[in-house]
Amino acid sequence: MKARNDHVSTYLRDTNNGEPVTVTMGYDRALDYVFCTVTAKNGDIVYTNLDDDGAGTTQQSVDYFRRVLATLGLRVPEALFREVAFDQRRRVGNRVVRRVAEE
């Protein structure tokens, strides 16, 4: 049974020549933590909370990832953060939202 929520969004990076990336952020109900991964178009991991000493599986603040994404030069809609925070507060599972960045 899936207990992880993925809010998958594709955005253009403002740095590195506008390289397209996929931002995957959500709340893992089974493990009770917020996660965030940024993947390049070629599949390379640009960022993952699992490699971030400040996040790992213990970071519970959606706002932490707002700062991480801003540092990477990514502008992500506020709705992404709001919905992940909502899922975390309500312990919602099995929800996938996909967004594509506007040009």
Protein backbone atom coordinates (compact mmCIF):
# COMPACT_ATOMS: atom_id res chain seq x y z
CA MET A 1 0.00 0.00 0.00
CA LYS A 2 1.41 3.37 -1.00
CA ALA A 3 1.65 5.84 1.86
CA ARG A 4 3.80 8.51 0.24
CA ASN A 5 2.48 11.67 -1.39
CA ASP A 6 4.29 13.04 -4.42
CA HIS A 7 3.75 16.53 -5.71
CA VAL A 8 5.66 16.34 -8.97
CA SER A 9 6.42 19.57 -10.78
CA THR A 10 8.67 20.35 -13.73
CA TYR A 11 10.31 23.75 -13.80
CA LEU A 12 13.15 25.50 -15.56
CA ARG A 13 16.16 26.28 -13.43
CA ASP A 14 17.15 29.91 -13.37
CA THR A 15 20.80 28.86 -13.23
CA ASN A 16 22.89 26.39 -15.23
CA ASN A 17 21.59 27.59 -18.59
CA GLY A 18 17.96 26.95 -17.75
CA GLU A 19 18.39 23.17 -17.51
CA PRO A 20 14.96 21.54 -17.04
CA VAL A 21 14.51 19.69 -13.77
CA THR A 22 11.77 17.79 -11.98
CA VAL A 23 11.00 18.74 -8.38
CA THR A 24 9.40 15.95 -6.37
CA MET A 25 8.25 16.98 -2.93
CA GLY A 26 5.80 15.41 -0.54
CA TYR A 27 5.03 13.86 2.80
CA ASP A 28 5.83 10.22 3.53
CA ARG A 29 3.09 9.09 5.89
CA ALA A 30 4.65 5.71 6.69
CA LEU A 31 8.01 7.23 7.66
CA ASP A 32 6.52 10.55 8.86
CA TYR A 33 8.82 13.00 7.10
CA VAL A 34 8.84 15.58 4.33
CA PHE A 35 10.99 14.73 1.31
CA CYS A 36 12.32 16.69 -1.64
CA THR A 37 14.24 15.57 -4.72
CA VAL A 38 15.38 17.56 -7.75
CA THR A 39 16.20 15.50 -10.83
CA ALA A 40 17.81 16.69 -14.06
CA LYS A 41 16.29 15.75 -17.41
CA ASN A 42 19.06 13.15 -17.92
CA GLY A 43 18.14 11.49 -14.61
CA ASP A 44 21.00 12.88 -12.51
CA ILE A 45 20.01 13.80 -8.96
CA VAL A 46 20.64 17.51 -8.42
CA TYR A 47 19.38 17.44 -4.81
CA THR A 48 17.87 14.91 -2.43
CA ASN A 49 16.97 15.36 1.21
CA LEU A 50 18.67 12.02 1.91
CA ASP A 51 22.08 13.54 1.05
CA ASP A 52 21.40 16.75 2.98
CA ASP A 53 22.73 16.67 6.56
CA GLY A 54 20.22 19.39 7.47
CA ALA A 55 17.26 17.39 6.19
CA GLY A 56 17.68 13.62 5.94
CA THR A 57 14.54 11.94 7.22
CA THR A 58 14.16 14.15 10.27
CA GLN A 59 13.38 17.51 8.62
CA GLN A 60 9.74 18.30 9.22
CA SER A 61 9.56 21.87 7.92
CA VAL A 62 8.29 22.47 4.40
CA ASP A 63 9.88 25.91 4.63
CA TYR A 64 13.34 24.30 4.84
CA PHE A 65 12.90 23.04 1.28
CA ARG A 66 11.67 26.45 0.13
CA ARG A 67 15.16 27.76 1.01
CA VAL A 68 16.88 24.77 -0.62
CA LEU A 69 14.98 25.24 -3.89
CA ALA A 70 15.65 28.99 -3.88
CA THR A 71 19.38 28.29 -3.41
CA LEU A 72 19.20 26.02 -6.48
CA GLY A 73 17.61 28.87 -8.43
CA LEU A 74 14.19 27.22 -8.65
CA ARG A 75 10.93 29.12 -8.38
CA VAL A 76 8.22 26.73 -7.28
CA PRO A 77 4.55 27.72 -6.92
CA GLU A 78 3.40 28.39 -3.38
CA ALA A 79 0.67 25.77 -3.90
CA LEU A 80 3.32 23.02 -3.81
CA PHE A 81 4.47 24.02 -0.32
CA ARG A 82 0.92 24.64 0.89
CA GLU A 83 -0.32 21.22 -0.28
CA VAL A 84 2.64 19.30 1.16
CA ALA A 85 2.17 21.10 4.51
CA PHE A 86 -1.55 20.23 4.38
CA ASP A 87 -0.76 16.56 3.70
CA GLN A 88 1.69 16.53 6.58
CA ARG A 89 -0.75 18.12 9.04
CA ARG A 90 -3.57 15.76 8.02
CA ARG A 91 -1.30 12.73 7.54
CA VAL A 92 -2.75 12.26 4.06
CA GLY A 93 -1.42 9.39 1.97
CA ASN A 94 -1.67 8.12 -1.59
CA ARG A 95 -2.05 11.50 -3.30
CA VAL A 96 -0.12 12.45 -6.44
CA VAL A 97 -0.29 15.90 -8.00
CA ARG A 98 1.56 16.65 -11.24
CA ARG A 99 2.25 20.15 -12.47
CA VAL A 100 4.13 21.51 -15.45
CA ALA A 101 5.77 24.92 -15.22
CA GLU A 102 4.25 27.68 -17.25
CA GLU A 103 6.44 29.19 -19.95
